[in-house]
Amino acid sequence: MKVEKRVLLDSKKIRQKSSNKRTNKIKLKNYINKNIRNKVLAKENNPKFLLKKIFLFIITPIIIIISLSFIYIKYKRTKMHNIPIAFSLNKKYAYPLIVSLTSILYNSGPNTFYTFYLLLAPDSEEHLIKKILDLREKYTNCKIQLIHMGNKYHKYKSLGYNTPTVYYRLELSNVINNTDKIIYLDVDTMTHKDLTEFYNIDIGNYY
């Protein structure tokens, strides 16, 4: 009987110890979890952490979207056909030029980009030039470059209504050196379709 009692007591002690160990483990686990929670809460309430969170979830996506937009625009530009076109004008032909440019841009294809070179006479007025450049606000598929011709050909005799501006086209290869091919149009020209097909006509070695 004594042996049985001792065995029972021992087994009871073992169970109690085991129970105590489990309880201690649970308490330790709870303590660790509580500590972790407190640390997380403290971290989340930290201004630096909040700034990082804002940057990660708000600013980062915005930066990614802007970057992708730039990549898309660059990709689109590379896929577009760039067509250079030159005009000669003085102050009398500023408004006809605006009509001519508008007709080109209005009828352009989705993949056509125009670079306009304007050969300007000395009498070109600033407010008229500004009106021409304002077209870029409405039509984004174009670039306008101004080339001031100064007194070029001013000594040449004008025939009838012709002025020195009619000779400016002879200087195209001298004043524009970043293209091998260009369309020259008069300022009173109206365009009714995209000019890509016209520009792509094979002219061989002709000037």
Protein backbone atom coordinates (compact mmCIF):
# COMPACT_ATOMS: atom_id res chain seq x y z
CA MET A 1 0.00 0.00 0.00
CA LYS A 2 2.83 2.38 0.82
CA VAL A 3 4.43 1.71 -2.53
CA GLU A 4 1.14 2.35 -4.34
CA LYS A 5 0.63 5.63 -2.46
CA ARG A 6 4.15 6.69 -3.28
CA VAL A 7 3.62 5.88 -6.97
CA LEU A 8 0.34 7.81 -6.94
CA LEU A 9 2.00 10.80 -5.27
CA ASP A 10 4.89 10.70 -7.71
CA SER A 11 2.57 10.50 -10.70
CA LYS A 12 0.54 13.37 -9.25
CA LYS A 13 3.69 15.44 -8.85
CA ILE A 14 4.74 14.63 -12.39
CA ARG A 15 1.32 15.66 -13.74
CA GLN A 16 1.42 18.84 -11.68
CA LYS A 17 4.91 19.65 -12.93
CA SER A 18 3.81 18.95 -16.50
CA SER A 19 0.75 21.13 -15.98
CA ASN A 20 2.89 23.88 -14.49
CA LYS A 21 5.26 23.66 -17.47
CA ARG A 22 2.36 24.00 -19.91
CA THR A 23 0.96 26.90 -17.90
CA ASN A 24 4.37 28.57 -17.86
CA LYS A 25 4.73 28.02 -21.59
CA ILE A 26 1.32 29.57 -22.22
CA LYS A 27 2.14 32.50 -19.93
CA LEU A 28 5.48 32.98 -21.68
CA LYS A 29 3.81 32.79 -25.06
CA ASN A 30 1.18 35.33 -23.98
CA TYR A 31 3.88 37.57 -22.58
CA ILE A 32 5.88 37.38 -25.82
CA ASN A 33 2.76 38.02 -27.91
CA LYS A 34 1.83 40.96 -25.70
CA ASN A 35 5.35 42.32 -26.01
CA ILE A 36 5.26 41.94 -29.77
CA ARG A 37 1.85 43.62 -29.92
CA ASN A 38 3.08 46.51 -27.79
CA LYS A 39 6.17 46.90 -29.96
CA VAL A 40 4.08 46.81 -33.14
CA LEU A 41 1.64 49.37 -31.74
CA ALA A 42 4.49 51.59 -30.61
CA LYS A 43 6.08 51.26 -34.03
CA GLU A 44 2.82 52.04 -35.85
CA ASN A 45 2.30 55.14 -33.73
CA ASN A 46 5.84 56.32 -34.43
CA PRO A 47 5.77 59.33 -36.85
CA LYS A 48 8.72 57.91 -38.82
CA PHE A 49 6.89 54.63 -39.30
CA LEU A 50 3.75 56.49 -40.41
CA LEU A 51 5.80 58.48 -42.95
CA LYS A 52 7.32 55.29 -44.27
CA LYS A 53 3.85 53.78 -44.54
CA ILE A 54 2.54 56.83 -46.43
CA PHE A 55 5.55 56.73 -48.74
CA LEU A 56 5.14 52.99 -49.35
CA PHE A 57 1.40 52.91 -49.98
CA ILE A 58 0.73 56.36 -51.49
CA ILE A 59 3.84 58.00 -52.91
CA THR A 60 5.46 54.85 -54.36
CA PRO A 61 2.42 53.96 -56.57
CA ILE A 62 2.29 57.59 -57.79
CA ILE A 63 6.00 57.47 -58.72
CA ILE A 64 5.46 54.16 -60.52
CA ILE A 65 2.46 55.56 -62.45
CA ILE A 66 4.40 58.69 -63.48
CA SER A 67 7.41 56.60 -64.56
CA LEU A 68 5.22 54.28 -66.61
CA SER A 69 3.53 57.30 -68.20
CA PHE A 70 6.89 58.71 -69.28
CA ILE A 71 7.92 55.32 -70.67
CA TYR A 72 4.63 55.09 -72.59
CA ILE A 73 4.99 58.60 -74.03
CA LYS A 74 8.60 57.87 -75.06
CA TYR A 75 7.51 54.57 -76.61
CA LYS A 76 4.66 56.28 -78.45
CA ARG A 77 6.99 58.99 -79.75
CA THR A 78 9.42 56.38 -81.12
CA LYS A 79 6.53 54.68 -82.91
CA MET A 80 5.37 57.97 -84.47
CA HIS A 81 6.41 59.16 -87.92
CA ASN A 82 8.21 62.49 -87.67
CA ILE A 83 7.54 64.66 -90.72
CA PRO A 84 9.50 67.93 -91.08
CA ILE A 85 7.76 70.78 -92.90
CA ALA A 86 9.14 74.23 -93.71
CA PHE A 87 7.36 77.54 -94.36
CA SER A 88 8.62 81.03 -95.21
CA LEU A 89 6.66 84.00 -93.99
CA ASN A 90 6.52 87.66 -93.11
CA LYS A 91 3.96 89.49 -90.96
CA LYS A 92 1.37 89.61 -93.77
CA TYR A 93 1.13 85.83 -93.91
CA ALA A 94 0.95 84.95 -90.21
CA TYR A 95 -2.80 84.27 -90.20
CA PRO A 96 -2.81 82.25 -93.45
CA LEU A 97 0.00 80.19 -91.91
CA ILE A 98 -2.11 79.51 -88.80
CA VAL A 99 -4.90 78.21 -91.06
CA SER A 100 -2.42 76.07 -93.01
CA LEU A 101 -0.86 74.59 -89.84
CA THR A 102 -4.29 73.91 -88.36
CA SER A 103 -5.39 72.05 -91.51
CA ILE A 104 -2.27 69.85 -91.32
CA LEU A 105 -2.65 69.08 -87.61
CA TYR A 106 -6.42 68.58 -87.75
CA ASN A 107 -6.07 65.98 -90.52
CA SER A 108 -3.00 64.23 -89.12
CA GLY A 109 -3.02 60.50 -88.37
CA PRO A 110 -2.70 59.14 -84.81
CA ASN A 111 0.96 58.15 -85.36
CA THR A 112 2.13 61.31 -87.12
CA PHE A 113 4.28 63.95 -85.46
CA TYR A 114 5.11 67.17 -87.31
CA THR A 115 8.17 69.37 -86.88
CA PHE A 116 7.50 72.79 -88.40
CA TYR A 117 10.40 75.05 -89.37
CA LEU A 118 9.32 78.66 -89.84
CA LEU A 119 11.72 80.83 -91.84
CA LEU A 120 10.89 84.29 -90.53
CA ALA A 121 11.39 87.65 -92.24
CA PRO A 122 12.72 90.56 -90.14
CA ASP A 123 9.27 92.20 -90.00
CA SER A 124 7.72 89.22 -88.14
CA GLU A 125 5.94 90.59 -85.07
CA GLU A 126 6.12 89.00 -81.62
CA HIS A 127 2.37 88.90 -80.98
CA LEU A 128 1.79 87.13 -84.32
CA ILE A 129 4.54 84.60 -83.59
CA LYS A 130 2.91 83.96 -80.19
CA LYS A 131 -0.41 83.22 -81.90
CA ILE A 132 1.35 80.67 -84.11
CA LEU A 133 3.13 79.03 -81.16
CA ASP A 134 -0.17 78.84 -79.23
CA LEU A 135 -1.21 76.04 -81.61
CA ARG A 136 1.01 73.70 -79.57
CA GLU A 137 -1.43 73.98 -76.66
CA LYS A 138 -4.25 72.51 -78.73
CA TYR A 139 -2.20 70.07 -80.84
CA THR A 140 0.44 68.13 -78.92
CA ASN A 141 1.67 66.16 -81.95
CA CYS A 142 3.86 68.98 -83.23
CA LYS A 143 6.98 71.01 -82.58
CA ILE A 144 7.53 74.51 -83.97
CA GLN A 145 11.02 75.85 -84.53
CA LEU A 146 11.63 79.49 -85.43
CA ILE A 147 14.48 80.39 -87.79
CA HIS A 148 15.15 84.11 -88.12
CA MET A 149 16.49 84.81 -91.60
CA GLY A 150 17.61 88.39 -90.90
CA ASN A 151 18.32 90.40 -94.06
CA LYS A 152 18.89 87.38 -96.29
CA TYR A 153 18.06 88.22 -99.93
CA HIS A 154 16.80 91.70 -99.00
CA LYS A 155 18.89 93.16 -101.85
CA TYR A 156 17.25 90.97 -104.47
CA LYS A 157 14.71 92.67 -106.67
CA SER A 158 11.11 91.72 -105.90
CA LEU A 159 9.03 90.70 -108.89
CA GLY A 160 5.44 91.86 -108.58
CA TYR A 161 4.00 90.68 -105.23
CA ASN A 162 7.02 88.49 -104.45
CA THR A 163 9.20 89.48 -101.50
CA PRO A 164 12.63 88.19 -100.33
CA THR A 165 10.79 85.44 -98.39
CA VAL A 166 10.24 83.50 -101.62
CA TYR A 167 14.01 82.91 -101.77
CA TYR A 168 14.29 81.56 -98.21
CA ARG A 169 13.60 78.01 -99.42
CA LEU A 170 17.00 78.10 -101.17
CA GLU A 171 18.60 78.18 -97.70
CA LEU A 172 16.87 75.07 -96.34
CA SER A 173 19.94 72.84 -96.51
CA ASN A 174 22.00 75.53 -94.73
CA VAL A 175 19.64 76.44 -91.90
CA ILE A 176 18.19 72.94 -91.26
CA ASN A 177 20.89 70.29 -90.95
CA ASN A 178 19.23 67.57 -88.85
CA THR A 179 17.12 66.02 -91.61
CA ASP A 180 17.78 64.62 -95.09
CA LYS A 181 14.28 65.20 -96.39
CA ILE A 182 11.72 67.94 -95.83
CA ILE A 183 8.41 69.14 -97.22
CA TYR A 184 8.27 72.82 -98.21
CA LEU A 185 4.81 74.38 -98.38
CA ASP A 186 3.52 77.84 -99.14
CA VAL A 187 1.64 79.50 -96.30
CA ASP A 188 -1.60 79.58 -98.30
CA THR A 189 -1.68 75.78 -98.62
CA MET A 190 -4.61 73.78 -97.28
CA THR A 191 -4.10 70.13 -96.30
CA HIS A 192 -6.99 67.64 -96.38
CA LYS A 193 -5.29 64.39 -95.30
CA ASP A 194 -2.37 63.02 -93.35
CA LEU A 195 0.96 63.78 -95.07
CA THR A 196 2.78 60.52 -94.25
CA GLU A 197 2.05 58.95 -97.65
CA PHE A 198 3.09 62.14 -99.42
CA TYR A 199 6.30 62.38 -97.38
CA ASN A 200 7.18 58.74 -98.11
CA ILE A 201 7.21 59.23 -101.90
CA ASP A 202 10.60 58.04 -103.14
CA ILE A 203 12.37 61.05 -104.65
CA GLY A 204 15.71 59.31 -105.00
CA ASN A 205 18.62 61.73 -105.10
CA TYR A 206 16.54 64.73 -106.10
CA TYR A 207 16.96 67.90 -104.04
